[in-house]
Every structure is written in C-alpha cells, then in structure tokens.
C-alpha atoms as a PDB file:
ATOM      1  CA  MET A   1     158.832  20.217 123.063  1.00  0.00           C
ATOM      2  CA  ASP A   2     159.799  16.590 123.628  1.00  0.00           C
ATOM      3  CA  ILE A   3     158.254  14.999 127.013  1.00  0.00           C
ATOM      4  CA  ALA A   4     158.384  11.509 127.576  1.00  0.00           C
ATOM      5  CA  PRO A   5     155.341   9.109 127.193  1.00  0.00           C
ATOM      6  CA  ALA A   6     155.959   7.874 130.695  1.00  0.00           C
ATOM      7  CA  VAL A   7     155.482  11.243 131.970  1.00  0.00           C
ATOM      8  CA  ILE A   8     152.395  12.398 130.187  1.00  0.00           C
ATOM      9  CA  ALA A   9     150.924   8.719 131.475  1.00  0.00           C
ATOM     10  CA  ASN A  10     151.960   9.270 135.018  1.00  0.00           C
ATOM     11  CA  ARG A  11     150.615  12.912 134.966  1.00  0.00           C
ATOM     12  CA  ILE A  12     146.760  11.897 133.729  1.00  0.00           C
ATOM     13  CA  ALA A  13     147.048   8.391 135.545  1.00  0.00           C
ATOM     14  CA  ASP A  14     147.810  10.292 139.327  1.00  0.00           C
ATOM     15  CA  TRP A  15     145.100  13.233 138.420  1.00  0.00           C
ATOM     16  CA  TYR A  16     142.592  10.913 137.484  1.00  0.00           C
ATOM     17  CA  ALA A  17     142.844   8.724 140.224  1.00  0.00           C
ATOM     18  CA  SER A  18     142.623  11.604 142.829  1.00  0.00           C
ATOM     19  CA  THR A  19     140.061  14.025 140.814  1.00  0.00           C
ATOM     20  CA  HIS A  20     137.637  11.554 138.682  1.00  0.00           C
ATOM     21  CA  ARG A  21     133.925  12.386 138.932  1.00  0.00           C
ATOM     22  CA  ASP A  22     131.913   9.454 140.685  1.00  0.00           C
ATOM     23  CA  LEU A  23     129.641   8.032 137.694  1.00  0.00           C
ATOM     24  CA  PRO A  24     128.152   4.649 137.634  1.00  0.00           C
ATOM     25  CA  TRP A  25     130.180   3.233 135.246  1.00  0.00           C
ATOM     26  CA  ARG A  26     133.453   3.823 137.181  1.00  0.00           C
ATOM     27  CA  ARG A  27     131.931   2.576 140.322  1.00  0.00           C
ATOM     28  CA  PRO A  28     133.929  -1.106 141.859  1.00  0.00           C
ATOM     29  CA  GLY A  29     131.220  -3.772 140.440  1.00  0.00           C
ATOM     30  CA  PHE A  30     129.434  -2.097 138.115  1.00  0.00           C
ATOM     31  CA  PRO A  31     128.035  -5.251 135.478  1.00  0.00           C
ATOM     32  CA  ALA A  32     129.773  -5.265 131.862  1.00  0.00           C
ATOM     33  CA  TRP A  33     126.634  -5.404 130.094  1.00  0.00           C
ATOM     34  CA  GLY A  34     125.832  -1.898 131.983  1.00  0.00           C
ATOM     35  CA  THR A  35     129.077  -0.549 130.749  1.00  0.00           C
ATOM     36  CA  LEU A  36     128.085  -1.941 127.542  1.00  0.00           C
ATOM     37  CA  VAL A  37     124.601  -0.015 127.511  1.00  0.00           C
ATOM     38  CA  SER A  38     126.468   3.452 128.879  1.00  0.00           C
ATOM     39  CA  GLU A  39     128.919   3.207 125.824  1.00  0.00           C
ATOM     40  CA  PHE A  40     125.931   3.080 123.491  1.00  0.00           C
ATOM     41  CA  MET A  41     124.044   5.702 125.276  1.00  0.00           C
ATOM     42  CA  LEU A  42     126.886   8.290 125.865  1.00  0.00           C
ATOM     43  CA  GLN A  43     127.404   8.155 122.160  1.00  0.00           C
ATOM     44  CA  GLN A  44     126.126  12.010 121.062  1.00  0.00           C
ATOM     45  CA  THR A  45     124.057  12.200 124.546  1.00  0.00           C
ATOM     46  CA  PRO A  46     125.480  14.260 127.898  1.00  0.00           C
ATOM     47  CA  VAL A  47     126.533  12.311 130.845  1.00  0.00           C
ATOM     48  CA  ALA A  48     123.682  14.526 133.144  1.00  0.00           C
ATOM     49  CA  ARG A  49     120.615  12.661 130.901  1.00  0.00           C
ATOM     50  CA  VAL A  50     122.606   9.342 130.495  1.00  0.00           C
ATOM     51  CA  ILE A  51     122.765   8.590 134.033  1.00  0.00           C
ATOM     52  CA  PRO A  52     118.705   8.328 135.044  1.00  0.00           C
ATOM     53  CA  ALA A  53     118.270   7.099 131.751  1.00  0.00           C
ATOM     54  CA  LEU A  54     120.894   3.874 132.215  1.00  0.00           C
ATOM     55  CA  GLU A  55     119.678   3.528 135.762  1.00  0.00           C
ATOM     56  CA  ARG A  56     116.202   2.859 134.618  1.00  0.00           C
ATOM     57  CA  TRP A  57     116.680   0.429 131.707  1.00  0.00           C
ATOM     58  CA  LEU A  58     119.359  -1.677 133.932  1.00  0.00           C
ATOM     59  CA  LEU A  59     116.222  -1.438 136.478  1.00  0.00           C
ATOM     60  CA  ARG A  60     114.285  -3.262 133.740  1.00  0.00           C
ATOM     61  CA  TRP A  61     116.872  -5.047 131.495  1.00  0.00           C
ATOM     62  CA  PRO A  62     119.360  -6.334 134.274  1.00  0.00           C
ATOM     63  CA  THR A  63     121.000  -8.639 131.490  1.00  0.00           C
ATOM     64  CA  PRO A  64     121.018  -8.801 128.136  1.00  0.00           C
ATOM     65  CA  ALA A  65     118.981 -11.675 127.761  1.00  0.00           C
ATOM     66  CA  ASP A  66     116.035  -9.570 129.540  1.00  0.00           C
ATOM     67  CA  LEU A  67     116.097  -7.286 126.824  1.00  0.00           C
ATOM     68  CA  ALA A  68     116.615  -9.967 124.193  1.00  0.00           C
ATOM     69  CA  GLY A  69     113.425 -11.329 125.612  1.00  0.00           C
ATOM     70  CA  GLU A  70     111.463  -8.168 124.298  1.00  0.00           C
ATOM     71  CA  PRO A  71     110.563  -7.008 120.834  1.00  0.00           C
ATOM     72  CA  PRO A  72     112.764  -4.322 119.796  1.00  0.00           C
ATOM     73  CA  GLY A  73     110.342  -2.004 119.932  1.00  0.00           C
ATOM     74  CA  GLU A  74     109.863  -1.377 123.383  1.00  0.00           C
ATOM     75  CA  ALA A  75     113.990  -0.563 123.498  1.00  0.00           C
ATOM     76  CA  VAL A  76     113.067   1.919 121.422  1.00  0.00           C
ATOM     77  CA  ARG A  77     109.882   3.370 123.651  1.00  0.00           C
ATOM     78  CA  ALA A  78     112.313   3.228 126.260  1.00  0.00           C
ATOM     79  CA  TRP A  79     115.134   5.089 124.618  1.00  0.00           C
ATOM     80  CA  GLU A  80     112.888   8.141 125.315  1.00  0.00           C
ATOM     81  CA  ARG A  81     114.844  11.146 124.071  1.00  0.00           C
ATOM     82  CA  LEU A  82     118.164  10.014 124.172  1.00  0.00           C
ATOM     83  CA  GLY A  83     118.723  11.239 120.387  1.00  0.00           C
ATOM     84  CA  TYR A  84     119.694   8.592 117.644  1.00  0.00           C
ATOM     85  CA  PRO A  85     117.170   5.633 118.279  1.00  0.00           C
ATOM     86  CA  ARG A  86     119.164   3.633 115.761  1.00  0.00           C
ATOM     87  CA  ARG A  87     121.297   2.824 118.836  1.00  0.00           C
ATOM     88  CA  ALA A  88     118.238   1.283 120.962  1.00  0.00           C
ATOM     89  CA  LEU A  89     117.799  -1.004 118.037  1.00  0.00           C
ATOM     90  CA  ASN A  90     121.279  -1.899 117.978  1.00  0.00           C
ATOM     91  CA  LEU A  91     121.646  -2.127 121.563  1.00  0.00           C
ATOM     92  CA  HIS A  92     118.695  -4.734 120.905  1.00  0.00           C
ATOM     93  CA  GLY A  93     120.422  -6.711 118.258  1.00  0.00           C
ATOM     94  CA  ALA A  94     123.621  -6.738 120.819  1.00  0.00           C
ATOM     95  CA  ALA A  95     121.449  -8.129 123.392  1.00  0.00           C
ATOM     96  CA  THR A  96     120.159 -10.673 121.063  1.00  0.00           C
ATOM     97  CA  ALA A  97     123.413 -11.816 120.099  1.00  0.00           C
ATOM     98  CA  ILE A  98     124.924 -11.399 123.439  1.00  0.00           C
ATOM     99  CA  ALA A  99     122.557 -14.088 124.737  1.00  0.00           C
ATOM    100  CA  GLU A 100     122.443 -16.682 122.231  1.00  0.00           C
ATOM    101  CA  ARG A 101     126.257 -16.477 121.218  1.00  0.00           C
ATOM    102  CA  HIS A 102     128.047 -15.793 124.377  1.00  0.00           C
ATOM    103  CA  GLY A 103     125.657 -17.124 127.344  1.00  0.00           C
ATOM    104  CA  ASN A 104     124.539 -13.989 128.331  1.00  0.00           C
ATOM    105  CA  VAL A 105     128.224 -12.713 129.343  1.00  0.00           C
ATOM    106  CA  VAL A 106     129.225  -9.506 127.380  1.00  0.00           C
ATOM    107  CA  PRO A 107     132.879 -11.127 125.857  1.00  0.00           C
ATOM    108  CA  ASP A 108     135.942  -9.279 126.874  1.00  0.00           C
ATOM    109  CA  ASP A 109     138.007  -9.533 123.373  1.00  0.00           C
ATOM    110  CA  VAL A 110     137.988  -6.398 121.415  1.00  0.00           C
ATOM    111  CA  ASP A 111     137.102  -8.323 118.558  1.00  0.00           C
ATOM    112  CA  GLU A 112     134.216 -10.496 119.555  1.00  0.00           C
ATOM    113  CA  LEU A 113     132.466  -7.215 120.773  1.00  0.00           C
ATOM    114  CA  LEU A 114     133.169  -5.718 117.491  1.00  0.00           C
ATOM    115  CA  ALA A 115     131.601  -8.365 115.830  1.00  0.00           C
ATOM    116  CA  LEU A 116     127.810  -7.235 117.528  1.00  0.00           C
ATOM    117  CA  PRO A 117     125.388  -4.964 116.175  1.00  0.00           C
ATOM    118  CA  GLY A 118     126.090  -1.492 116.775  1.00  0.00           C
ATOM    119  CA  VAL A 119     129.570  -1.989 118.436  1.00  0.00           C
ATOM    120  CA  GLY A 120     132.731  -0.185 116.951  1.00  0.00           C
ATOM    121  CA  PRO A 121     136.320   0.539 117.552  1.00  0.00           C
ATOM    122  CA  TYR A 122     135.809   2.897 120.199  1.00  0.00           C
ATOM    123  CA  THR A 123     132.847   1.166 122.008  1.00  0.00           C
ATOM    124  CA  ALA A 124     134.435  -2.254 121.598  1.00  0.00           C
ATOM    125  CA  ARG A 125     137.736  -0.990 123.371  1.00  0.00           C
ATOM    126  CA  ALA A 126     135.606   0.774 125.630  1.00  0.00           C
ATOM    127  CA  VAL A 127     134.501  -1.892 127.023  1.00  0.00           C
ATOM    128  CA  ALA A 128     137.115  -4.140 127.405  1.00  0.00           C
ATOM    129  CA  ALA A 129     139.222  -1.681 128.771  1.00  0.00           C
ATOM    130  CA  PHE A 130     136.573  -0.324 131.199  1.00  0.00           C
ATOM    131  CA  ALA A 131     134.463  -3.568 131.968  1.00  0.00           C
ATOM    132  CA  TYR A 132     137.542  -5.573 132.001  1.00  0.00           C
ATOM    133  CA  GLY A 133     140.889  -3.796 132.633  1.00  0.00           C
ATOM    134  CA  ILE A 134     142.204  -5.019 129.295  1.00  0.00           C
ATOM    135  CA  ARG A 135     145.120  -2.668 128.216  1.00  0.00           C
ATOM    136  CA  THR A 136     144.031  -1.681 124.703  1.00  0.00           C
ATOM    137  CA  PRO A 137     143.871   2.316 123.576  1.00  0.00           C
ATOM    138  CA  VAL A 138     140.354   3.960 123.740  1.00  0.00           C
ATOM    139  CA  VAL A 139     139.809   6.680 121.641  1.00  0.00           C
ATOM    140  CA  ASP A 140     136.893   9.306 121.288  1.00  0.00           C
ATOM    141  CA  THR A 141     136.552  12.839 120.325  1.00  0.00           C
ATOM    142  CA  ASN A 142     137.619  13.932 123.553  1.00  0.00           C
ATOM    143  CA  VAL A 143     140.944  11.510 123.512  1.00  0.00           C
ATOM    144  CA  ARG A 144     141.631  13.341 120.092  1.00  0.00           C
ATOM    145  CA  ARG A 145     141.360  16.667 121.527  1.00  0.00           C
ATOM    146  CA  VAL A 146     144.275  15.666 124.438  1.00  0.00           C
ATOM    147  CA  LEU A 147     146.602  14.373 122.018  1.00  0.00           C
ATOM    148  CA  ALA A 148     146.495  16.319 119.201  1.00  0.00           C
ATOM    149  CA  ARG A 149     147.239  19.365 121.635  1.00  0.00           C
ATOM    150  CA  ALA A 150     149.786  17.950 124.408  1.00  0.00           C
ATOM    151  CA  LEU A 151     151.701  15.769 121.591  1.00  0.00           C
ATOM    152  CA  ARG A 152     151.260  17.759 118.697  1.00  0.00           C
ATOM    153  CA  GLY A 153     150.881  21.107 119.563  1.00  0.00           C
ATOM    154  CA  VAL A 154     147.661  21.982 117.751  1.00  0.00           C
ATOM    155  CA  GLY A 155     144.743  23.597 118.751  1.00  0.00           C
ATOM    156  CA  GLU A 156     142.170  21.178 117.108  1.00  0.00           C
ATOM    157  CA  ALA A 157     142.073  16.974 116.422  1.00  0.00           C
ATOM    158  CA  GLY A 158     140.695  18.021 113.110  1.00  0.00           C
ATOM    159  CA  PRO A 159     138.925  14.735 110.799  1.00  0.00           C
ATOM    160  CA  PRO A 160     139.959  11.344 112.472  1.00  0.00           C
ATOM    161  CA  ARG A 161     142.759   9.729 112.140  1.00  0.00           C
ATOM    162  CA  THR A 162     141.982   6.214 113.767  1.00  0.00           C
ATOM    163  CA  ALA A 163     145.256   4.320 113.126  1.00  0.00           C
ATOM    164  CA  ALA A 164     147.859   6.706 114.364  1.00  0.00           C
ATOM    165  CA  GLU A 165     145.694   8.180 117.295  1.00  0.00           C
ATOM    166  CA  LEU A 166     145.273   4.529 118.265  1.00  0.00           C
ATOM    167  CA  GLY A 167     149.276   4.300 117.631  1.00  0.00           C
ATOM    168  CA  GLU A 168     149.650   7.427 119.975  1.00  0.00           C
ATOM    169  CA  MET A 169     147.113   6.169 122.749  1.00  0.00           C
ATOM    170  CA  GLU A 170     149.002   2.935 122.877  1.00  0.00           C
ATOM    171  CA  ALA A 171     152.497   4.736 122.999  1.00  0.00           C
ATOM    172  CA  LEU A 172     150.899   6.370 126.329  1.00  0.00           C
ATOM    173  CA  LEU A 173     150.165   3.661 128.194  1.00  0.00           C
ATOM    174  CA  PRO A 174     151.700   1.805 130.932  1.00  0.00           C
ATOM    175  CA  ALA A 175     152.597  -2.309 130.579  1.00  0.00           C
ATOM    176  CA  ASP A 176     150.305  -2.177 133.988  1.00  0.00           C
ATOM    177  CA  ALA A 177     147.334  -2.835 133.097  1.00  0.00           C
ATOM    178  CA  GLU A 178     145.331  -1.050 135.603  1.00  0.00           C
ATOM    179  CA  ARG A 179     147.674   1.955 135.029  1.00  0.00           C
ATOM    180  CA  ALA A 180     146.836   1.741 131.589  1.00  0.00           C
ATOM    181  CA  ARG A 181     143.254   2.031 132.496  1.00  0.00           C
ATOM    182  CA  LEU A 182     143.421   5.126 134.218  1.00  0.00           C
ATOM    183  CA  VAL A 183     145.545   6.535 131.695  1.00  0.00           C
ATOM    184  CA  ASN A 184     142.655   5.604 129.204  1.00  0.00           C
ATOM    185  CA  ALA A 185     140.003   7.188 131.524  1.00  0.00           C
ATOM    186  CA  GLY A 186     141.626   9.722 132.460  1.00  0.00           C
ATOM    187  CA  THR A 187     142.620  11.533 129.322  1.00  0.00           C
ATOM    188  CA  MET A 188     139.119  11.174 128.472  1.00  0.00           C
ATOM    189  CA  GLU A 189     137.984  12.876 131.732  1.00  0.00           C
ATOM    190  CA  LEU A 190     140.835  15.314 131.079  1.00  0.00           C
ATOM    191  CA  GLY A 191     139.281  16.131 127.550  1.00  0.00           C
ATOM    192  CA  GLN A 192     135.803  16.246 129.023  1.00  0.00           C
ATOM    193  CA  THR A 193     136.253  18.303 132.222  1.00  0.00           C
ATOM    194  CA  VAL A 194     139.376  20.417 131.520  1.00  0.00           C
ATOM    195  CA  CYS A 195     141.122  20.400 127.815  1.00  0.00           C
ATOM    196  CA  THR A 196     137.434  21.102 126.467  1.00  0.00           C
ATOM    197  CA  ALA A 197     137.118  22.521 122.830  1.00  0.00           C
ATOM    198  CA  ARG A 198     135.745  26.120 123.224  1.00  0.00           C
ATOM    199  CA  SER A 199     137.197  27.001 126.887  1.00  0.00           C
ATOM    200  CA  PRO A 200     140.083  24.955 128.044  1.00  0.00           C
ATOM    201  CA  ARG A 201     141.398  25.334 131.577  1.00  0.00           C
ATOM    202  CA  CYS A 202     144.680  25.083 131.610  1.00  0.00           C
ATOM    203  CA  ASP A 203     145.158  26.423 134.963  1.00  0.00           C
ATOM    204  CA  ALA A 204     143.950  23.283 136.186  1.00  0.00           C
ATOM    205  CA  CYS A 205     145.716  20.989 133.574  1.00  0.00           C
ATOM    206  CA  PRO A 206     147.807  18.839 134.635  1.00  0.00           C
ATOM    207  CA  LEU A 207     149.624  18.681 131.788  1.00  0.00           C
ATOM    208  CA  ALA A 208     149.850  22.295 131.626  1.00  0.00           C
ATOM    209  CA  ASP A 209     153.872  22.299 131.663  1.00  0.00           C
ATOM    210  CA  VAL A 210     154.270  19.722 129.511  1.00  0.00           C
ATOM    211  CA  CYS A 211     151.802  20.472 126.756  1.00  0.00           C
ATOM    212  CA  ALA A 212     153.111  21.432 123.499  1.00  0.00           C
ATOM    213  CA  TRP A 213     150.279  23.297 122.145  1.00  0.00           C
ATOM    214  CA  ARG A 214     150.882  25.732 125.233  1.00  0.00           C
ATOM    215  CA  ALA A 215     154.206  25.651 124.956  1.00  0.00           C
ATOM    216  CA  ALA A 216     153.716  26.869 120.924  1.00  0.00           C
ATOM    217  CA  GLY A 217     151.748  29.803 122.157  1.00  0.00           C
ATOM    218  CA  TYR A 218     148.274  28.031 121.562  1.00  0.00           C
ATOM    219  CA  PRO A 219     148.663  28.377 117.690  1.00  0.00           C
ATOM    220  CA  ALA A 220     145.618  28.647 115.623  1.00  0.00           C
ATOM    221  CA  TYR A 221     144.244  26.215 114.083  1.00  0.00           C
ATOM    222  CA  ASP A 222     144.627  26.293 110.160  1.00  0.00           C
ATOM    223  CA  GLY A 223     144.353  22.800 108.986  1.00  0.00           C
ATOM    224  CA  PRO A 224     141.074  20.424 107.822  1.00  0.00           C
ATOM    225  CA  ARG A 225     138.138  20.340 109.858  1.00  0.00           C
ATOM    226  CA  ALA A 226     135.661  17.994 110.945  1.00  0.00           C
ATOM    227  CA  ALA A 227     132.232  18.010 109.435  1.00  0.00           C
ATOM    228  CA  VAL A 228     129.612  20.228 111.494  1.00  0.00           C
ATOM    229  CA  GLN A 229     126.675  18.741 112.294  1.00  0.00           C
ATOM    230  CA  LYS A 230     123.267  19.884 110.524  1.00  0.00           C
ATOM    231  CA  LYS A 231     120.873  22.186 112.680  1.00  0.00           C
ATOM    232  CA  TYR A 232     118.815  20.370 114.318  1.00  0.00           C
ATOM    233  CA  GLU A 233     115.559  22.822 114.535  1.00  0.00           C
ATOM    234  CA  GLY A 234     113.545  21.988 111.026  1.00  0.00           C
ATOM    235  CA  SER A 235     115.494  19.073 110.598  1.00  0.00           C
ATOM    236  CA  ASP A 236     114.363  15.799 109.513  1.00  0.00           C
ATOM    237  CA  ARG A 237     115.924  14.434 112.417  1.00  0.00           C
ATOM    238  CA  GLN A 238     113.644  16.351 114.246  1.00  0.00           C
ATOM    239  CA  VAL A 239     110.673  15.283 112.055  1.00  0.00           C
ATOM    240  CA  ARG A 240     111.524  11.708 112.638  1.00  0.00           C
ATOM    241  CA  GLY A 241     111.780  12.545 116.407  1.00  0.00           C
ATOM    242  CA  LEU A 242     108.227  13.643 116.485  1.00  0.00           C
ATOM    243  CA  VAL A 243     106.517  10.847 114.852  1.00  0.00           C
ATOM    244  CA  LEU A 244     108.860   8.809 117.276  1.00  0.00           C
ATOM    245  CA  ARG A 245     107.283  10.325 120.198  1.00  0.00           C
ATOM    246  CA  GLU A 246     103.886   9.933 118.896  1.00  0.00           C
ATOM    247  CA  LEU A 247     104.291   6.154 118.510  1.00  0.00           C
ATOM    248  CA  ARG A 248     106.026   6.014 121.731  1.00  0.00           C
ATOM    249  CA  GLY A 249     102.907   7.092 123.603  1.00  0.00           C
ATOM    250  CA  SER A 250     100.746   4.520 122.492  1.00  0.00           C
ATOM    251  CA  ASP A 251     100.235   0.726 122.566  1.00  0.00           C
ATOM    252  CA  THR A 252      98.490   0.406 119.531  1.00  0.00           C
ATOM    253  CA  PRO A 253      99.019   0.853 115.892  1.00  0.00           C
ATOM    254  CA  VAL A 254      98.549   4.938 115.183  1.00  0.00           C
ATOM    255  CA  PRO A 255      96.716   6.125 111.691  1.00  0.00           C
ATOM    256  CA  ALA A 256      98.383   7.852 109.395  1.00  0.00           C
ATOM    257  CA  ALA A 257      95.920  10.750 109.824  1.00  0.00           C
ATOM    258  CA  VAL A 258      97.498  11.114 113.081  1.00  0.00           C
ATOM    259  CA  ILE A 259     101.276  11.139 112.061  1.00  0.00           C
ATOM    260  CA  ALA A 260     100.246  13.785 109.306  1.00  0.00           C
ATOM    261  CA  GLY A 261      99.596  16.291 112.310  1.00  0.00           C
ATOM    262  CA  VAL A 262     102.805  16.213 113.956  1.00  0.00           C
ATOM    263  CA  TRP A 263     104.570  17.873 111.103  1.00  0.00           C
ATOM    264  CA  PRO A 264     102.987  20.747 108.643  1.00  0.00           C
ATOM    265  CA  ASP A 265     105.345  19.729 105.381  1.00  0.00           C
ATOM    266  CA  ALA A 266     104.221  17.027 103.755  1.00  0.00           C
ATOM    267  CA  GLY A 267     107.140  16.331 102.218  1.00  0.00           C
ATOM    268  CA  GLN A 268     109.272  16.246 104.628  1.00  0.00           C
ATOM    269  CA  LEU A 269     107.175  13.863 106.747  1.00  0.00           C
ATOM    270  CA  ALA A 270     107.276  11.828 104.459  1.00  0.00           C
ATOM    271  CA  ARG A 271     110.798  11.463 103.600  1.00  0.00           C
ATOM    272  CA  ALA A 272     111.329  11.319 107.558  1.00  0.00           C
ATOM    273  CA  ILE A 273     108.805   8.296 107.697  1.00  0.00           C
ATOM    274  CA  ASP A 274     110.520   6.682 104.726  1.00  0.00           C
ATOM    275  CA  GLY A 275     113.560   6.903 106.413  1.00  0.00           C
ATOM    276  CA  LEU A 276     112.569   5.493 109.434  1.00  0.00           C
ATOM    277  CA  LEU A 277     110.621   2.595 108.015  1.00  0.00           C
ATOM    278  CA  ARG A 278     114.226   1.651 106.155  1.00  0.00           C
ATOM    279  CA  ASP A 279     115.751   2.177 109.640  1.00  0.00           C
ATOM    280  CA  GLY A 280     113.440  -0.476 110.929  1.00  0.00           C
ATOM    281  CA  LEU A 281     112.673   2.022 113.837  1.00  0.00           C
ATOM    282  CA  VAL A 282     108.951   2.325 112.448  1.00  0.00           C
ATOM    283  CA  VAL A 283     106.552  -0.384 110.487  1.00  0.00           C
ATOM    284  CA  ARG A 284     103.385  -0.130 108.800  1.00  0.00           C
ATOM    285  CA  ASP A 285     100.293  -2.071 108.746  1.00  0.00           C
ATOM    286  CA  ASP A 286      98.078  -3.000 106.253  1.00  0.00           C
ATOM    287  CA  ASP A 287      95.660  -0.570 107.038  1.00  0.00           C
ATOM    288  CA  ASP A 288      98.378   2.274 106.609  1.00  0.00           C
ATOM    289  CA  ASP A 289      98.663   3.048 110.640  1.00  0.00           C
ATOM    290  CA  TYR A 290     102.384   3.075 111.881  1.00  0.00           C
ATOM    291  CA  ALA A 291     103.873   1.181 115.451  1.00  0.00           C
ATOM    292  CA  LEU A 292     107.161   0.800 116.863  1.00  0.00           C
ATOM    293  CA  PRO A 293     109.056  -2.153 115.784  1.00  0.00           C
END
C-alpha cells in the first residue's frame, strides 16, 4: 500500500486536534521546565501516576534553580515511587546545568538539550517540539509501533532503528511547525490510546483504511524482538526500592542494622546497596549508616 505521507499526517493531526486527552503538559502556557520534568517522569511510568507527582514537584520547585538549590537527595526523596530513581538525580543535574549555564531557562535547541544530564534524543526532541514548537521528529515506543504498522505493515516495531525511524517520522511532518507539532503529539497519542501493543482498536483509528498492516491482513510478526524487561518481584530493582523507601522515610542517617532488615537475602541486599552507592543514590558515612545524597 503506497499512501502519500501528507495523507497520513493530516489524518493524525486532525484526529489529535479533536480527540486528544487533556493532560497538564498539553495546556496553553505550560512552562518548558514543566515539560522537561514531565518527560523525565513519563519514562517507564504511567500517565496516571505522573500527573499528581508532577503537580507536587512544580509546586515545590517551579523553576530549575529552585530544584538546583536543594541537595540531590531531596529530588530522590520527592521522586517517591515513580520508579527508576536515577531519573531524579539526572533531573537535579539537568536543573543545575540549566540554572548555571542557561540563565534558569530550559534551552530550545536540541543539541543544547542533549548536553543536559539525563537528556537523551527522545527527551531533547520532545521538549523542543512540545514546549517550543520546533519542527523536529519525536519518536518513542508508541510512535515506533504506529510507524511499523501503518507504514511498513509489520505488527511490532522490533529493536530500535533510531536513524531510520527518525527519518520515517521526519518524512511525515508537515512544513508548518504547528501542524508538525500536532503530528508528533498525535502519533504518540495514537500509539498510547488506539494502536496499542496488545489490543489495537482499529475501528477507532483514523488510519484504518490506509494502514499497511491492516491491509495485509494483520500478519504475525516474525522479526527480531526488543529485549524483555526482567520480572520486578524478587529482583535487585525491588530490593533497591525497599532500601530507598527506608531512607526516604528518615531525616537522619539510617543504621546498617536497620537496612539489613529490609530484605532476607543478605547477598542480594549487599549487591543492591553497592549498586545504589555506585549510582550516587545513597551515601554511607563513617559509622556505616546510610542516607540519601
């Protein structure tokens, strides 16, 4: 099926403009700093959990300098149970860089955003596109799935093909920056709410009659697959989370004897603690007590 990119782009933009969810970071006047924080939080975390955490975060730290002025451990404490707490340390580092190098203003240039701690290609492009209206392709897991199905006729995106997928998205973007923003956001929204991984709702999809995968009869995917995330229960990630939960609940260093009680497997607990120390999420004092940095 050979469909002009403009047809697909217009379908997505019009669909998004009329049906998108009302999310805080999509509202007029939402600050670029808020967009950056939301993108950090949305990595690996569902939207429903991010919204209240984002509101609390921006109320406490309305600008990068406000966050940078506190110890990084406070960012880890405020991260609570959003998961992958290194994101909190990276966000603190990004806030510090913005306050010191960019006059407390989140930059709008993709390369300058990429130079910030913890900011990768997706986050840099998302902030440039959604906070500043820059015409640049934005590709996440949901976008990759829509591109794979609608353009290439395969049911799964497989392992990342960063350059190729950015090129596919670039080809879809209209020249007009505002329409390009709608296409970027709309493709993401389509993958999140309609063209989902397990139960796509083709009856509600604006691309149903131009989708290459649907036209081919939904062939089963037989290509290479992305790595599967390991089970959380019983993992080192779970143990790390238990240690951090203990430290978040204390304003003073926690004795090693208390930390020893959070998990029964002493070897796994020691491995988790060593990892937290290496990552800078935990510090240990001369008395072998533990605290947030």
